Amino acid sequence: TDVLAAATWVKTHTAASERLVCNLDPL
């Protein structure tokens, strides 16, 4: 549920063109 909340946060607080750096990059 934290991972899903994190994905929602990313989708609502970043532009679609932004790039992420993370340990679970494929996810």
PDB file of all heavy atoms in Angstrom:
ATOM      1  N   THR A   1       0.835  -1.207   0.000  1.00  0.00           N
ATOM      2  CA  THR A   1       0.000   0.000   0.000  1.00  0.00           C
ATOM      3  C   THR A   1       0.870   1.258   0.000  1.00  0.00           C
ATOM      4  O   THR A   1       0.492   2.272  -0.596  1.00  0.00           O
ATOM      5  CB  THR A   1      -0.955   0.020   1.212  1.00  0.00           C
ATOM      6  OG1 THR A   1      -0.199  -0.148   2.409  1.00  0.00           O
ATOM      7  CG2 THR A   1      -2.002  -1.075   1.107  1.00  0.00           C
ATOM      8  N   ASP A   2       2.047   1.205   0.648  1.00  0.00           N
ATOM      9  CA  ASP A   2       2.976   2.340   0.610  1.00  0.00           C
ATOM     10  C   ASP A   2       3.509   2.559  -0.803  1.00  0.00           C
ATOM     11  O   ASP A   2       3.636   3.694  -1.269  1.00  0.00           O
ATOM     12  CB  ASP A   2       4.164   2.126   1.553  1.00  0.00           C
ATOM     13  CG  ASP A   2       3.769   2.033   3.010  1.00  0.00           C
ATOM     14  OD1 ASP A   2       2.784   2.694   3.411  1.00  0.00           O
ATOM     15  OD2 ASP A   2       4.438   1.289   3.757  1.00  0.00           O
ATOM     16  N   VAL A   3       3.833   1.467  -1.482  1.00  0.00           N
ATOM     17  CA  VAL A   3       4.353   1.560  -2.845  1.00  0.00           C
ATOM     18  C   VAL A   3       3.293   2.152  -3.771  1.00  0.00           C
ATOM     19  O   VAL A   3       3.579   3.030  -4.590  1.00  0.00           O
ATOM     20  CB  VAL A   3       4.834   0.184  -3.352  1.00  0.00           C
ATOM     21  CG1 VAL A   3       5.215   0.247  -4.823  1.00  0.00           C
ATOM     22  CG2 VAL A   3       6.002  -0.309  -2.511  1.00  0.00           C
ATOM     23  N   LEU A   4       2.052   1.703  -3.614  1.00  0.00           N
ATOM     24  CA  LEU A   4       0.971   2.250  -4.444  1.00  0.00           C
ATOM     25  C   LEU A   4       0.734   3.725  -4.127  1.00  0.00           C
ATOM     26  O   LEU A   4       0.515   4.537  -5.036  1.00  0.00           O
ATOM     27  CB  LEU A   4      -0.313   1.445  -4.244  1.00  0.00           C
ATOM     28  CG  LEU A   4      -0.271   0.007  -4.753  1.00  0.00           C
ATOM     29  CD1 LEU A   4      -1.578  -0.707  -4.427  1.00  0.00           C
ATOM     30  CD2 LEU A   4       0.029  -0.041  -6.237  1.00  0.00           C
ATOM     31  N   ALA A   5       0.807   4.095  -2.841  1.00  0.00           N
ATOM     32  CA  ALA A   5       0.668   5.504  -2.458  1.00  0.00           C
ATOM     33  C   ALA A   5       1.820   6.327  -3.020  1.00  0.00           C
ATOM     34  O   ALA A   5       1.624   7.471  -3.460  1.00  0.00           O
ATOM     35  CB  ALA A   5       0.613   5.637  -0.932  1.00  0.00           C
ATOM     36  N   ALA A   6       3.018   5.752  -3.046  1.00  0.00           N
ATOM     37  CA  ALA A   6       4.180   6.455  -3.610  1.00  0.00           C
ATOM     38  C   ALA A   6       3.980   6.680  -5.108  1.00  0.00           C
ATOM     39  O   ALA A   6       4.267   7.762  -5.627  1.00  0.00           O
ATOM     40  CB  ALA A   6       5.458   5.667  -3.349  1.00  0.00           C
ATOM     41  N   ALA A   7       3.482   5.668  -5.798  1.00  0.00           N
ATOM     42  CA  ALA A   7       3.237   5.815  -7.241  1.00  0.00           C
ATOM     43  C   ALA A   7       2.183   6.888  -7.493  1.00  0.00           C
ATOM     44  O   ALA A   7       2.325   7.708  -8.419  1.00  0.00           O
ATOM     45  CB  ALA A   7       2.800   4.482  -7.835  1.00  0.00           C
ATOM     46  N   THR A   8       1.156   6.919  -6.676  1.00  0.00           N
ATOM     47  CA  THR A   8       0.128   7.964  -6.806  1.00  0.00           C
ATOM     48  C   THR A   8       0.738   9.336  -6.545  1.00  0.00           C
ATOM     49  O   THR A   8       0.458  10.291  -7.269  1.00  0.00           O
ATOM     50  CB  THR A   8      -1.039   7.691  -5.829  1.00  0.00           C
ATOM     51  OG1 THR A   8      -1.608   6.423  -6.158  1.00  0.00           O
ATOM     52  CG2 THR A   8      -2.090   8.778  -5.908  1.00  0.00           C
ATOM     53  N   TRP A   9       1.584   9.449  -5.527  1.00  0.00           N
ATOM     54  CA  TRP A   9       2.242  10.717  -5.228  1.00  0.00           C
ATOM     55  C   TRP A   9       3.060  11.172  -6.431  1.00  0.00           C
ATOM     56  O   TRP A   9       2.995  12.332  -6.830  1.00  0.00           O
ATOM     57  CB  TRP A   9       3.145  10.585  -3.997  1.00  0.00           C
ATOM     58  CG  TRP A   9       3.668  11.897  -3.508  1.00  0.00           C
ATOM     59  CD1 TRP A   9       3.144  12.647  -2.505  1.00  0.00           C
ATOM     60  CD2 TRP A   9       4.800  12.625  -4.009  1.00  0.00           C
ATOM     61  NE1 TRP A   9       3.888  13.805  -2.348  1.00  0.00           N
ATOM     62  CE2 TRP A   9       4.902  13.809  -3.263  1.00  0.00           C
ATOM     63  CE3 TRP A   9       5.729  12.398  -5.013  1.00  0.00           C
ATOM     64  CZ2 TRP A   9       5.901  14.762  -3.484  1.00  0.00           C
ATOM     65  CZ3 TRP A   9       6.723  13.336  -5.251  1.00  0.00           C
ATOM     66  CH2 TRP A   9       6.797  14.497  -4.491  1.00  0.00           C
ATOM     67  N   VAL A  10       3.820  10.259  -7.006  1.00  0.00           N
ATOM     68  CA  VAL A  10       4.648  10.605  -8.168  1.00  0.00           C
ATOM     69  C   VAL A  10       3.774  11.072  -9.325  1.00  0.00           C
ATOM     70  O   VAL A  10       4.064  12.092  -9.970  1.00  0.00           O
ATOM     71  CB  VAL A  10       5.539   9.413  -8.591  1.00  0.00           C
ATOM     72  CG1 VAL A  10       6.195   9.663  -9.944  1.00  0.00           C
ATOM     73  CG2 VAL A  10       6.595   9.137  -7.526  1.00  0.00           C
ATOM     74  N   LYS A  11       2.681  10.363  -9.589  1.00  0.00           N
ATOM     75  CA  LYS A  11       1.812  10.736 -10.710  1.00  0.00           C
ATOM     76  C   LYS A  11       1.144  12.095 -10.503  1.00  0.00           C
ATOM     77  O   LYS A  11       0.883  12.801 -11.459  1.00  0.00           O
ATOM     78  CB  LYS A  11       0.755   9.654 -10.953  1.00  0.00           C
ATOM     79  CG  LYS A  11       1.347   8.398 -11.572  1.00  0.00           C
ATOM     80  CD  LYS A  11       0.303   7.441 -12.090  1.00  0.00           C
ATOM     81  CE  LYS A  11      -0.369   6.704 -10.985  1.00  0.00           C
ATOM     82  NZ  LYS A  11      -1.251   5.624 -11.446  1.00  0.00           N
ATOM     83  N   THR A  12       0.881  12.459  -9.245  1.00  0.00           N
ATOM     84  CA  THR A  12       0.187  13.728  -8.988  1.00  0.00           C
ATOM     85  C   THR A  12       1.127  14.894  -8.710  1.00  0.00           C
ATOM     86  O   THR A  12       0.697  16.041  -8.739  1.00  0.00           O
ATOM     87  CB  THR A  12      -0.799  13.590  -7.799  1.00  0.00           C
ATOM     88  OG1 THR A  12      -0.084  13.174  -6.647  1.00  0.00           O
ATOM     89  CG2 THR A  12      -1.904  12.603  -8.119  1.00  0.00           C
ATOM     90  N   HIS A  13       2.407  14.632  -8.444  1.00  0.00           N
ATOM     91  CA  HIS A  13       3.344  15.700  -8.107  1.00  0.00           C
ATOM     92  C   HIS A  13       4.487  15.867  -9.103  1.00  0.00           C
ATOM     93  O   HIS A  13       5.404  16.649  -8.862  1.00  0.00           O
ATOM     94  CB  HIS A  13       3.942  15.469  -6.714  1.00  0.00           C
ATOM     95  CG  HIS A  13       2.961  15.648  -5.611  1.00  0.00           C
ATOM     96  ND1 HIS A  13       2.092  14.641  -5.217  1.00  0.00           N
ATOM     97  CD2 HIS A  13       2.681  16.717  -4.839  1.00  0.00           C
ATOM     98  CE1 HIS A  13       1.338  15.093  -4.230  1.00  0.00           C
ATOM     99  NE2 HIS A  13       1.676  16.342  -3.983  1.00  0.00           N
ATOM    100  N   THR A  14       4.450  15.119 -10.200  1.00  0.00           N
ATOM    101  CA  THR A  14       5.487  15.258 -11.224  1.00  0.00           C
ATOM    102  C   THR A  14       4.835  15.304 -12.599  1.00  0.00           C
ATOM    103  O   THR A  14       3.730  14.791 -12.795  1.00  0.00           O
ATOM    104  CB  THR A  14       6.489  14.082 -11.202  1.00  0.00           C
ATOM    105  OG1 THR A  14       5.800  12.871 -11.544  1.00  0.00           O
ATOM    106  CG2 THR A  14       7.152  13.929  -9.842  1.00  0.00           C
ATOM    107  N   ALA A  15       5.548  15.905 -13.528  1.00  0.00           N
ATOM    108  CA  ALA A  15       5.098  15.904 -14.922  1.00  0.00           C
ATOM    109  C   ALA A  15       5.441  14.550 -15.544  1.00  0.00           C
ATOM    110  O   ALA A  15       6.379  13.880 -15.105  1.00  0.00           O
ATOM    111  CB  ALA A  15       5.786  17.027 -15.691  1.00  0.00           C
ATOM    112  N   ALA A  16       4.704  14.171 -16.556  1.00  0.00           N
ATOM    113  CA  ALA A  16       4.928  12.879 -17.210  1.00  0.00           C
ATOM    114  C   ALA A  16       6.329  12.783 -17.813  1.00  0.00           C
ATOM    115  O   ALA A  16       6.857  11.691 -17.993  1.00  0.00           O
ATOM    116  CB  ALA A  16       3.878  12.650 -18.285  1.00  0.00           C
ATOM    117  N   SER A  17       6.956  13.909 -18.086  1.00  0.00           N
ATOM    118  CA  SER A  17       8.286  13.911 -18.698  1.00  0.00           C
ATOM    119  C   SER A  17       9.422  13.826 -17.680  1.00  0.00           C
ATOM    120  O   SER A  17      10.580  13.689 -18.060  1.00  0.00           O
ATOM    121  CB  SER A  17       8.464  15.167 -19.524  1.00  0.00           C
ATOM    122  OG  SER A  17       8.341  16.310 -18.687  1.00  0.00           O
ATOM    123  N   GLU A  18       9.091  13.880 -16.393  1.00  0.00           N
ATOM    124  CA  GLU A  18      10.150  13.856 -15.384  1.00  0.00           C
ATOM    125  C   GLU A  18      10.763  12.471 -15.265  1.00  0.00           C
ATOM    126  O   GLU A  18      10.130  11.472 -15.565  1.00  0.00           O
ATOM    127  CB  GLU A  18       9.593  14.313 -14.031  1.00  0.00           C
ATOM    128  CG  GLU A  18       9.255  15.798 -14.032  1.00  0.00           C
ATOM    129  CD  GLU A  18       9.006  16.339 -12.644  1.00  0.00           C
ATOM    130  OE1 GLU A  18       9.899  16.202 -11.780  1.00  0.00           O
ATOM    131  OE2 GLU A  18       7.912  16.888 -12.432  1.00  0.00           O
ATOM    132  N   ARG A  19      12.003  12.463 -14.805  1.00  0.00           N
ATOM    133  CA  ARG A  19      12.745  11.211 -14.649  1.00  0.00           C
ATOM    134  C   ARG A  19      13.005  10.934 -13.179  1.00  0.00           C
ATOM    135  O   ARG A  19      13.297  11.836 -12.410  1.00  0.00           O
ATOM    136  CB  ARG A  19      14.063  11.290 -15.385  1.00  0.00           C
ATOM    137  CG  ARG A  19      13.862  11.372 -16.875  1.00  0.00           C
ATOM    138  CD  ARG A  19      15.165  11.452 -17.580  1.00  0.00           C
ATOM    139  NE  ARG A  19      14.914  11.475 -19.016  1.00  0.00           N
ATOM    140  CZ  ARG A  19      15.848  11.333 -19.909  1.00  0.00           C
ATOM    141  NH1 ARG A  19      17.099  11.154 -19.532  1.00  0.00           N
ATOM    142  NH2 ARG A  19      15.541  11.371 -21.182  1.00  0.00           N
ATOM    143  N   LEU A  20      12.934   9.648 -12.842  1.00  0.00           N
ATOM    144  CA  LEU A  20      13.097   9.215 -11.463  1.00  0.00           C
ATOM    145  C   LEU A  20      14.408   8.449 -11.294  1.00  0.00           C
ATOM    146  O   LEU A  20      14.843   7.759 -12.211  1.00  0.00           O
ATOM    147  CB  LEU A  20      11.956   8.276 -11.060  1.00  0.00           C
ATOM    148  CG  LEU A  20      10.535   8.687 -11.410  1.00  0.00           C
ATOM    149  CD1 LEU A  20       9.566   7.567 -11.057  1.00  0.00           C
ATOM    150  CD2 LEU A  20      10.172   9.972 -10.710  1.00  0.00           C
ATOM    151  N   VAL A  21      14.992   8.572 -10.126  1.00  0.00           N
ATOM    152  CA  VAL A  21      16.096   7.710  -9.716  1.00  0.00           C
ATOM    153  C   VAL A  21      15.596   6.965  -8.487  1.00  0.00           C
ATOM    154  O   VAL A  21      15.121   7.595  -7.536  1.00  0.00           O
ATOM    155  CB  VAL A  21      17.370   8.512  -9.383  1.00  0.00           C
ATOM    156  CG1 VAL A  21      18.348   7.676  -8.586  1.00  0.00           C
ATOM    157  CG2 VAL A  21      18.035   8.997 -10.656  1.00  0.00           C
ATOM    158  N   CYS A  22      15.643   5.639  -8.539  1.00  0.00           N
ATOM    159  CA  CYS A  22      15.151   4.842  -7.418  1.00  0.00           C
ATOM    160  C   CYS A  22      15.727   3.439  -7.502  1.00  0.00           C
ATOM    161  O   CYS A  22      16.186   3.012  -8.561  1.00  0.00           O
ATOM    162  CB  CYS A  22      13.630   4.797  -7.411  1.00  0.00           C
ATOM    163  SG  CYS A  22      12.878   4.395  -8.978  1.00  0.00           S
ATOM    164  N   ASN A  23      15.702   2.761  -6.381  1.00  0.00           N
ATOM    165  CA  ASN A  23      16.221   1.401  -6.344  1.00  0.00           C
ATOM    166  C   ASN A  23      15.301   0.429  -7.084  1.00  0.00           C
ATOM    167  O   ASN A  23      15.764  -0.506  -7.699  1.00  0.00           O
ATOM    168  CB  ASN A  23      16.420   0.960  -4.896  1.00  0.00           C
ATOM    169  CG  ASN A  23      17.309  -0.256  -4.788  1.00  0.00           C
ATOM    170  OD1 ASN A  23      17.939  -0.664  -5.757  1.00  0.00           O
ATOM    171  ND2 ASN A  23      17.372  -0.840  -3.614  1.00  0.00           N
ATOM    172  N   LEU A  24      14.018   0.646  -7.025  1.00  0.00           N
ATOM    173  CA  LEU A  24      13.052  -0.246  -7.688  1.00  0.00           C
ATOM    174  C   LEU A  24      12.583   0.378  -8.998  1.00  0.00           C
ATOM    175  O   LEU A  24      11.390   0.542  -9.245  1.00  0.00           O
ATOM    176  CB  LEU A  24      11.874  -0.502  -6.744  1.00  0.00           C
ATOM    177  CG  LEU A  24      12.239  -1.142  -5.408  1.00  0.00           C
ATOM    178  CD1 LEU A  24      11.028  -1.196  -4.492  1.00  0.00           C
ATOM    179  CD2 LEU A  24      12.846  -2.515  -5.605  1.00  0.00           C
ATOM    180  N   ASP A  25      13.521   0.736  -9.862  1.00  0.00           N
ATOM    181  CA  ASP A  25      13.200   1.479 -11.072  1.00  0.00           C
ATOM    182  C   ASP A  25      12.184   0.802 -11.994  1.00  0.00           C
ATOM    183  O   ASP A  25      11.273   1.479 -12.473  1.00  0.00           O
ATOM    184  CB  ASP A  25      14.472   1.863 -11.835  1.00  0.00           C
ATOM    185  CG  ASP A  25      15.428   0.713 -12.051  1.00  0.00           C
ATOM    186  OD1 ASP A  25      15.703  -0.023 -11.094  1.00  0.00           O
ATOM    187  OD2 ASP A  25      15.911   0.559 -13.176  1.00  0.00           O
ATOM    188  N   PRO A  26      12.256  -0.506 -12.244  1.00  0.00           N
ATOM    189  CA  PRO A  26      11.241  -1.096 -13.131  1.00  0.00           C
ATOM    190  C   PRO A  26       9.831  -0.978 -12.548  1.00  0.00           C
ATOM    191  O   PRO A  26       8.871  -0.707 -13.267  1.00  0.00           O
ATOM    192  CB  PRO A  26      11.659  -2.563 -13.263  1.00  0.00           C
ATOM    193  CG  PRO A  26      13.069  -2.618 -12.816  1.00  0.00           C
ATOM    194  CD  PRO A  26      13.246  -1.500 -11.832  1.00  0.00           C
ATOM    195  N   LEU A  27       9.719  -1.152 -11.252  1.00  0.00           N
ATOM    196  CA  LEU A  27       8.413  -1.071 -10.597  1.00  0.00           C
ATOM    197  C   LEU A  27       7.824   0.327 -10.727  1.00  0.00           C
ATOM    198  O   LEU A  27       6.665   0.496 -11.104  1.00  0.00           O
ATOM    199  CB  LEU A  27       8.547  -1.455  -9.119  1.00  0.00           C
ATOM    200  CG  LEU A  27       7.267  -1.372  -8.297  1.00  0.00           C
ATOM    201  CD1 LEU A  27       6.267  -2.411  -8.780  1.00  0.00           C
ATOM    202  CD2 LEU A  27       7.576  -1.578  -6.834  1.00  0.00           C
TER     203      LEU A  27
END
